[in-house]
């Protein structure tokens, strides 16, 4: 599987999770802007620890996009 396919799939999976309000596993997204901030904070921590992969980056961006699309009233 090419990197382009992996990141596209990760992004799409992220969007689906975000629309459902799911961050990681059973961990839900906090309501409103706080949830988006928490996702970005977590992503930053993973990057600082040197554990950030392209797949994780695309999945987390997808989660944010999906969450915002599903909750336009918040934003």
PDB file of N, CA and C in Angstrom:
ATOM      1  N   UNK A   1       0.855  -1.173   0.000  1.00  0.00           N
ATOM      2  CA  UNK A   1       0.000   0.000   0.000  1.00  0.00           C
ATOM      3  C   UNK A   1       0.903   1.239   0.000  1.00  0.00           C
ATOM      4  N   UNK A   2       0.613   2.179  -0.853  1.00  0.00           N
ATOM      5  CA  UNK A   2       1.436   3.384  -0.955  1.00  0.00           C
ATOM      6  C   UNK A   2       1.143   4.334   0.205  1.00  0.00           C
ATOM      7  N   UNK A   3       2.094   5.247   0.439  1.00  0.00           N
ATOM      8  CA  UNK A   3       1.906   6.236   1.502  1.00  0.00           C
ATOM      9  C   UNK A   3       0.657   7.079   1.231  1.00  0.00           C
ATOM     10  N   UNK A   4       0.431   7.433  -0.029  1.00  0.00           N
ATOM     11  CA  UNK A   4      -0.745   8.234  -0.378  1.00  0.00           C
ATOM     12  C   UNK A   4      -2.032   7.503  -0.012  1.00  0.00           C
ATOM     13  N   UNK A   5      -2.075   6.204  -0.231  1.00  0.00           N
ATOM     14  CA  UNK A   5      -3.258   5.413   0.111  1.00  0.00           C
ATOM     15  C   UNK A   5      -3.419   5.316   1.622  1.00  0.00           C
ATOM     16  N   UNK A   6      -2.313   5.116   2.325  1.00  0.00           N
ATOM     17  CA  UNK A   6      -2.355   5.004   3.792  1.00  0.00           C
ATOM     18  C   UNK A   6      -2.878   6.281   4.412  1.00  0.00           C
ATOM     19  N   UNK A   7      -2.359   7.439   3.987  1.00  0.00           N
ATOM     20  CA  UNK A   7      -2.788   8.696   4.606  1.00  0.00           C
ATOM     21  C   UNK A   7      -4.217   9.054   4.214  1.00  0.00           C
ATOM     22  N   UNK A   8      -4.627   8.717   2.987  1.00  0.00           N
ATOM     23  CA  UNK A   8      -6.010   8.979   2.579  1.00  0.00           C
ATOM     24  C   UNK A   8      -6.960   8.146   3.435  1.00  0.00           C
ATOM     25  N   UNK A   9      -6.623   6.886   3.618  1.00  0.00           N
ATOM     26  CA  UNK A   9      -7.443   6.002   4.444  1.00  0.00           C
ATOM     27  C   UNK A   9      -7.459   6.488   5.890  1.00  0.00           C
ATOM     28  N   UNK A  10      -6.308   6.883   6.424  1.00  0.00           N
ATOM     29  CA  UNK A  10      -6.227   7.384   7.808  1.00  0.00           C
ATOM     30  C   UNK A  10      -7.084   8.631   7.973  1.00  0.00           C
ATOM     31  N   UNK A  11      -7.039   9.529   6.981  1.00  0.00           N
ATOM     32  CA  UNK A  11      -7.842  10.745   7.045  1.00  0.00           C
ATOM     33  C   UNK A  11      -9.330  10.394   7.045  1.00  0.00           C
ATOM     34  N   UNK A  12      -9.728   9.504   6.150  1.00  0.00           N
ATOM     35  CA  UNK A  12     -11.139   9.117   6.064  1.00  0.00           C
ATOM     36  C   UNK A  12     -11.602   8.437   7.357  1.00  0.00           C
ATOM     37  N   UNK A  13     -10.763   7.576   7.924  1.00  0.00           N
ATOM     38  CA  UNK A  13     -11.094   6.943   9.200  1.00  0.00           C
ATOM     39  C   UNK A  13     -11.234   8.005  10.296  1.00  0.00           C
ATOM     40  N   UNK A  14     -10.332   8.983  10.282  1.00  0.00           N
ATOM     41  CA  UNK A  14     -10.390  10.063  11.254  1.00  0.00           C
ATOM     42  C   UNK A  14     -11.673  10.861  11.142  1.00  0.00           C
ATOM     43  N   UNK A  15     -12.071  11.191   9.928  1.00  0.00           N
ATOM     44  CA  UNK A  15     -13.314  11.942   9.724  1.00  0.00           C
ATOM     45  C   UNK A  15     -14.495  11.153  10.284  1.00  0.00           C
ATOM     46  N   UNK A  16     -14.517   9.855  10.020  1.00  0.00           N
ATOM     47  CA  UNK A  16     -15.598   9.011  10.528  1.00  0.00           C
ATOM     48  C   UNK A  16     -15.615   9.010  12.056  1.00  0.00           C
ATOM     49  N   UNK A  17     -14.454   8.865  12.677  1.00  0.00           N
ATOM     50  CA  UNK A  17     -14.369   8.885  14.138  1.00  0.00           C
ATOM     51  C   UNK A  17     -14.811  10.239  14.694  1.00  0.00           C
ATOM     52  N   UNK A  18     -14.336  11.306  14.070  1.00  0.00           N
ATOM     53  CA  UNK A  18     -14.693  12.644  14.527  1.00  0.00           C
ATOM     54  C   UNK A  18     -16.185  12.905  14.469  1.00  0.00           C
ATOM     55  N   UNK A  19     -16.831  12.430  13.405  1.00  0.00           N
ATOM     56  CA  UNK A  19     -18.281  12.597  13.278  1.00  0.00           C
ATOM     57  C   UNK A  19     -19.023  11.850  14.374  1.00  0.00           C
ATOM     58  N   UNK A  20     -18.420  10.759  14.855  1.00  0.00           N
ATOM     59  CA  UNK A  20     -19.026   9.966  15.931  1.00  0.00           C
ATOM     60  C   UNK A  20     -18.657  10.507  17.314  1.00  0.00           C
ATOM     61  N   UNK A  21     -17.743  11.475  17.354  1.00  0.00           N
ATOM     62  CA  UNK A  21     -17.312  12.035  18.630  1.00  0.00           C
ATOM     63  C   UNK A  21     -16.287  11.177  19.346  1.00  0.00           C
ATOM     64  N   UNK A  22     -15.567  10.340  18.591  1.00  0.00           N
ATOM     65  CA  UNK A  22     -14.579   9.433  19.172  1.00  0.00           C
ATOM     66  C   UNK A  22     -13.174   9.935  18.851  1.00  0.00           C
ATOM     67  N   UNK A  23     -12.324   9.978  19.890  1.00  0.00           N
ATOM     68  CA  UNK A  23     -10.937  10.393  19.687  1.00  0.00           C
ATOM     69  C   UNK A  23     -10.029   9.181  19.564  1.00  0.00           C
ATOM     70  N   UNK A  24      -9.849   8.439  20.622  1.00  0.00           N
ATOM     71  CA  UNK A  24      -9.021   7.227  20.604  1.00  0.00           C
ATOM     72  C   UNK A  24      -9.781   6.098  21.293  1.00  0.00           C
ATOM     73  N   UNK A  25      -9.976   5.003  20.605  1.00  0.00           N
ATOM     74  CA  UNK A  25     -10.682   3.870  21.197  1.00  0.00           C
ATOM     75  C   UNK A  25     -12.057   4.277  21.669  1.00  0.00           C
ATOM     76  N   UNK A  26     -12.257   4.237  22.963  1.00  0.00           N
ATOM     77  CA  UNK A  26     -13.537   4.638  23.554  1.00  0.00           C
ATOM     78  C   UNK A  26     -13.475   6.056  24.116  1.00  0.00           C
ATOM     79  N   UNK A  27     -12.344   6.717  23.966  1.00  0.00           N
ATOM     80  CA  UNK A  27     -12.164   8.066  24.497  1.00  0.00           C
ATOM     81  C   UNK A  27     -12.930   9.060  23.633  1.00  0.00           C
ATOM     82  N   UNK A  28     -13.892   9.728  24.240  1.00  0.00           N
ATOM     83  CA  UNK A  28     -14.699  10.693  23.508  1.00  0.00           C
ATOM     84  C   UNK A  28     -14.025  12.050  23.410  1.00  0.00           C
ATOM     85  N   UNK A  29     -14.550  12.857  22.519  1.00  0.00           N
ATOM     86  CA  UNK A  29     -14.054  14.216  22.333  1.00  0.00           C
ATOM     87  C   UNK A  29     -14.844  15.130  23.266  1.00  0.00           C
ATOM     88  N   UNK A  30     -14.138  15.974  23.996  1.00  0.00           N
ATOM     89  CA  UNK A  30     -14.809  16.948  24.849  1.00  0.00           C
ATOM     90  C   UNK A  30     -15.678  17.857  23.987  1.00  0.00           C
ATOM     91  N   UNK A  31     -16.800  18.317  24.505  1.00  0.00           N
ATOM     92  CA  UNK A  31     -17.676  19.178  23.720  1.00  0.00           C
ATOM     93  C   UNK A  31     -17.015  20.520  23.379  1.00  0.00           C
ATOM     94  N   UNK A  32     -17.297  21.000  22.192  1.00  0.00           N
ATOM     95  CA  UNK A  32     -16.870  22.332  21.788  1.00  0.00           C
ATOM     96  C   UNK A  32     -15.402  22.467  21.458  1.00  0.00           C
ATOM     97  N   UNK A  33     -14.934  23.679  21.592  1.00  0.00           N
ATOM     98  CA  UNK A  33     -13.551  24.011  21.242  1.00  0.00           C
ATOM     99  C   UNK A  33     -12.549  23.262  22.100  1.00  0.00           C
ATOM    100  N   UNK A  34     -12.918  22.950  23.328  1.00  0.00           N
ATOM    101  CA  UNK A  34     -12.006  22.235  24.218  1.00  0.00           C
ATOM    102  C   UNK A  34     -11.606  20.880  23.649  1.00  0.00           C
ATOM    103  N   UNK A  35     -12.531  20.212  22.977  1.00  0.00           N
ATOM    104  CA  UNK A  35     -12.228  18.922  22.375  1.00  0.00           C
ATOM    105  C   UNK A  35     -11.195  19.037  21.274  1.00  0.00           C
ATOM    106  N   UNK A  36     -11.354  20.046  20.435  1.00  0.00           N
ATOM    107  CA  UNK A  36     -10.394  20.262  19.337  1.00  0.00           C
ATOM    108  C   UNK A  36      -9.024  20.621  19.905  1.00  0.00           C
ATOM    109  N   UNK A  37      -8.998  21.464  20.914  1.00  0.00           N
ATOM    110  CA  UNK A  37      -7.731  21.841  21.554  1.00  0.00           C
ATOM    111  C   UNK A  37      -7.048  20.612  22.147  1.00  0.00           C
ATOM    112  N   UNK A  38      -7.824  19.736  22.776  1.00  0.00           N
ATOM    113  CA  UNK A  38      -7.255  18.527  23.377  1.00  0.00           C
ATOM    114  C   UNK A  38      -6.637  17.612  22.316  1.00  0.00           C
ATOM    115  N   UNK A  39      -7.286  17.488  21.176  1.00  0.00           N
ATOM    116  CA  UNK A  39      -6.738  16.668  20.086  1.00  0.00           C
ATOM    117  C   UNK A  39      -5.418  17.256  19.613  1.00  0.00           C
ATOM    118  N   UNK A  40      -5.376  18.557  19.406  1.00  0.00           N
ATOM    119  CA  UNK A  40      -4.154  19.208  18.931  1.00  0.00           C
ATOM    120  C   UNK A  40      -3.062  19.135  19.994  1.00  0.00           C
ATOM    121  N   UNK A  41      -3.430  19.294  21.244  1.00  0.00           N
ATOM    122  CA  UNK A  41      -2.449  19.178  22.338  1.00  0.00           C
ATOM    123  C   UNK A  41      -1.842  17.766  22.356  1.00  0.00           C
ATOM    124  N   UNK A  42      -2.691  16.759  22.240  1.00  0.00           N
ATOM    125  CA  UNK A  42      -2.218  15.378  22.222  1.00  0.00           C
ATOM    126  C   UNK A  42      -1.299  15.134  21.028  1.00  0.00           C
ATOM    127  N   UNK A  43      -1.671  15.635  19.879  1.00  0.00           N
ATOM    128  CA  UNK A  43      -0.864  15.473  18.677  1.00  0.00           C
ATOM    129  C   UNK A  43       0.500  16.138  18.842  1.00  0.00           C
ATOM    130  N   UNK A  44       0.523  17.296  19.464  1.00  0.00           N
ATOM    131  CA  UNK A  44       1.777  18.006  19.720  1.00  0.00           C
ATOM    132  C   UNK A  44       2.666  17.212  20.669  1.00  0.00           C
ATOM    133  N   UNK A  45       2.078  16.651  21.709  1.00  0.00           N
ATOM    134  CA  UNK A  45       2.844  15.848  22.659  1.00  0.00           C
ATOM    135  C   UNK A  45       3.450  14.625  21.985  1.00  0.00           C
ATOM    136  N   UNK A  46       2.680  13.983  21.118  1.00  0.00           N
ATOM    137  CA  UNK A  46       3.179  12.817  20.396  1.00  0.00           C
ATOM    138  C   UNK A  46       4.347  13.230  19.501  1.00  0.00           C
ATOM    139  N   UNK A  47       4.240  14.389  18.865  1.00  0.00           N
ATOM    140  CA  UNK A  47       5.320  14.878  18.000  1.00  0.00           C
ATOM    141  C   UNK A  47       6.581  15.174  18.804  1.00  0.00           C
ATOM    142  N   UNK A  48       6.426  15.816  19.952  1.00  0.00           N
ATOM    143  CA  UNK A  48       7.567  16.147  20.807  1.00  0.00           C
ATOM    144  C   UNK A  48       8.273  14.869  21.275  1.00  0.00           C
ATOM    145  N   UNK A  49       7.491  13.825  21.536  1.00  0.00           N
ATOM    146  CA  UNK A  49       8.060  12.554  21.966  1.00  0.00           C
ATOM    147  C   UNK A  49       8.700  11.783  20.816  1.00  0.00           C
ATOM    148  N   UNK A  50       8.554  12.294  19.583  1.00  0.00           N
ATOM    149  CA  UNK A  50       9.152  11.651  18.419  1.00  0.00           C
ATOM    150  C   UNK A  50       8.357  10.473  17.884  1.00  0.00           C
ATOM    151  N   UNK A  51       7.094  10.381  18.266  1.00  0.00           N
ATOM    152  CA  UNK A  51       6.253   9.242  17.882  1.00  0.00           C
ATOM    153  C   UNK A  51       5.238   9.573  16.782  1.00  0.00           C
ATOM    154  N   UNK A  52       5.287  10.770  16.238  1.00  0.00           N
ATOM    155  CA  UNK A  52       4.302  11.181  15.239  1.00  0.00           C
ATOM    156  C   UNK A  52       4.597  10.528  13.894  1.00  0.00           C
ATOM    157  N   UNK A  53       3.602   9.868  13.336  1.00  0.00           N
ATOM    158  CA  UNK A  53       3.710   9.278  12.007  1.00  0.00           C
ATOM    159  C   UNK A  53       2.789  10.047  11.064  1.00  0.00           C
ATOM    160  N   UNK A  54       3.012   9.884   9.790  1.00  0.00           N
ATOM    161  CA  UNK A  54       2.124  10.514   8.805  1.00  0.00           C
ATOM    162  C   UNK A  54       0.694  10.005   8.988  1.00  0.00           C
ATOM    163  N   UNK A  55       0.568   8.718   9.227  1.00  0.00           N
ATOM    164  CA  UNK A  55      -0.763   8.134   9.404  1.00  0.00           C
ATOM    165  C   UNK A  55      -1.486   8.775  10.586  1.00  0.00           C
ATOM    166  N   UNK A  56      -0.804   8.899  11.711  1.00  0.00           N
ATOM    167  CA  UNK A  56      -1.413   9.503  12.893  1.00  0.00           C
ATOM    168  C   UNK A  56      -1.769  10.965  12.647  1.00  0.00           C
ATOM    169  N   UNK A  57      -0.891  11.683  11.989  1.00  0.00           N
ATOM    170  CA  UNK A  57      -1.162  13.081  11.668  1.00  0.00           C
ATOM    171  C   UNK A  57      -2.434  13.208  10.843  1.00  0.00           C
ATOM    172  N   UNK A  58      -2.540  12.430   9.781  1.00  0.00           N
ATOM    173  CA  UNK A  58      -3.714  12.504   8.912  1.00  0.00           C
ATOM    174  C   UNK A  58      -4.979  12.037   9.638  1.00  0.00           C
ATOM    175  N   UNK A  59      -4.853  11.012  10.478  1.00  0.00           N
ATOM    176  CA  UNK A  59      -6.015  10.535  11.206  1.00  0.00           C
ATOM    177  C   UNK A  59      -6.518  11.602  12.179  1.00  0.00           C
ATOM    178  N   UNK A  60      -5.613  12.227  12.899  1.00  0.00           N
ATOM    179  CA  UNK A  60      -6.031  13.243  13.868  1.00  0.00           C
ATOM    180  C   UNK A  60      -6.605  14.482  13.192  1.00  0.00           C
ATOM    181  N   UNK A  61      -6.037  14.875  12.068  1.00  0.00           N
ATOM    182  CA  UNK A  61      -6.615  15.996  11.320  1.00  0.00           C
ATOM    183  C   UNK A  61      -8.017  15.610  10.846  1.00  0.00           C
ATOM    184  N   UNK A  62      -8.170  14.375  10.399  1.00  0.00           N
ATOM    185  CA  UNK A  62      -9.491  13.888   9.999  1.00  0.00           C
ATOM    186  C   UNK A  62     -10.482  13.918  11.142  1.00  0.00           C
ATOM    187  N   UNK A  63     -10.017  13.553  12.347  1.00  0.00           N
ATOM    188  CA  UNK A  63     -10.893  13.586  13.521  1.00  0.00           C
ATOM    189  C   UNK A  63     -11.386  15.012  13.770  1.00  0.00           C
ATOM    190  N   UNK A  64     -10.493  15.972  13.699  1.00  0.00           N
ATOM    191  CA  UNK A  64     -10.886  17.372  13.906  1.00  0.00           C
ATOM    192  C   UNK A  64     -11.890  17.799  12.839  1.00  0.00           C
ATOM    193  N   UNK A  65     -11.605  17.486  11.578  1.00  0.00           N
ATOM    194  CA  UNK A  65     -12.513  17.861  10.487  1.00  0.00           C
ATOM    195  C   UNK A  65     -13.879  17.206  10.682  1.00  0.00           C
ATOM    196  N   UNK A  66     -13.896  15.924  10.975  1.00  0.00           N
ATOM    197  CA  UNK A  66     -15.158  15.219  11.177  1.00  0.00           C
ATOM    198  C   UNK A  66     -15.956  15.789  12.333  1.00  0.00           C
ATOM    199  N   UNK A  67     -15.263  16.107  13.425  1.00  0.00           N
ATOM    200  CA  UNK A  67     -15.934  16.660  14.592  1.00  0.00           C
ATOM    201  C   UNK A  67     -16.542  18.031  14.265  1.00  0.00           C
ATOM    202  N   UNK A  68     -15.792  18.863  13.598  1.00  0.00           N
ATOM    203  CA  UNK A  68     -16.289  20.204  13.244  1.00  0.00           C
ATOM    204  C   UNK A  68     -17.461  20.089  12.277  1.00  0.00           C
ATOM    205  N   UNK A  69     -17.373  19.186  11.302  1.00  0.00           N
ATOM    206  CA  UNK A  69     -18.482  19.008  10.361  1.00  0.00           C
ATOM    207  C   UNK A  69     -19.754  18.543  11.069  1.00  0.00           C
ATOM    208  N   UNK A  70     -19.596  17.685  12.066  1.00  0.00           N
ATOM    209  CA  UNK A  70     -20.752  17.150  12.771  1.00  0.00           C
ATOM    210  C   UNK A  70     -21.330  18.124  13.804  1.00  0.00           C
ATOM    211  N   UNK A  71     -20.564  19.143  14.159  1.00  0.00           N
ATOM    212  CA  UNK A  71     -21.010  20.092  15.198  1.00  0.00           C
ATOM    213  C   UNK A  71     -20.820  21.543  14.734  1.00  0.00           C
ATOM    214  N   UNK A  72     -21.417  21.927  13.624  1.00  0.00           N
ATOM    215  CA  UNK A  72     -21.221  23.291  13.120  1.00  0.00           C
ATOM    216  C   UNK A  72     -21.747  24.364  14.079  1.00  0.00           C
ATOM    217  N   UNK A  73     -22.696  23.995  14.914  1.00  0.00           N
ATOM    218  CA  UNK A  73     -23.261  24.970  15.849  1.00  0.00           C
ATOM    219  C   UNK A  73     -22.234  25.434  16.874  1.00  0.00           C
ATOM    220  N   UNK A  74     -21.224  24.632  17.110  1.00  0.00           N
ATOM    221  CA  UNK A  74     -20.196  24.980  18.083  1.00  0.00           C
ATOM    222  C   UNK A  74     -19.201  25.977  17.483  1.00  0.00           C
ATOM    223  N   UNK A  75     -19.019  25.874  16.185  1.00  0.00           N
ATOM    224  CA  UNK A  75     -17.993  26.684  15.549  1.00  0.00           C
ATOM    225  C   UNK A  75     -18.632  27.711  14.661  1.00  0.00           C
TER     226      UNK A  75
END
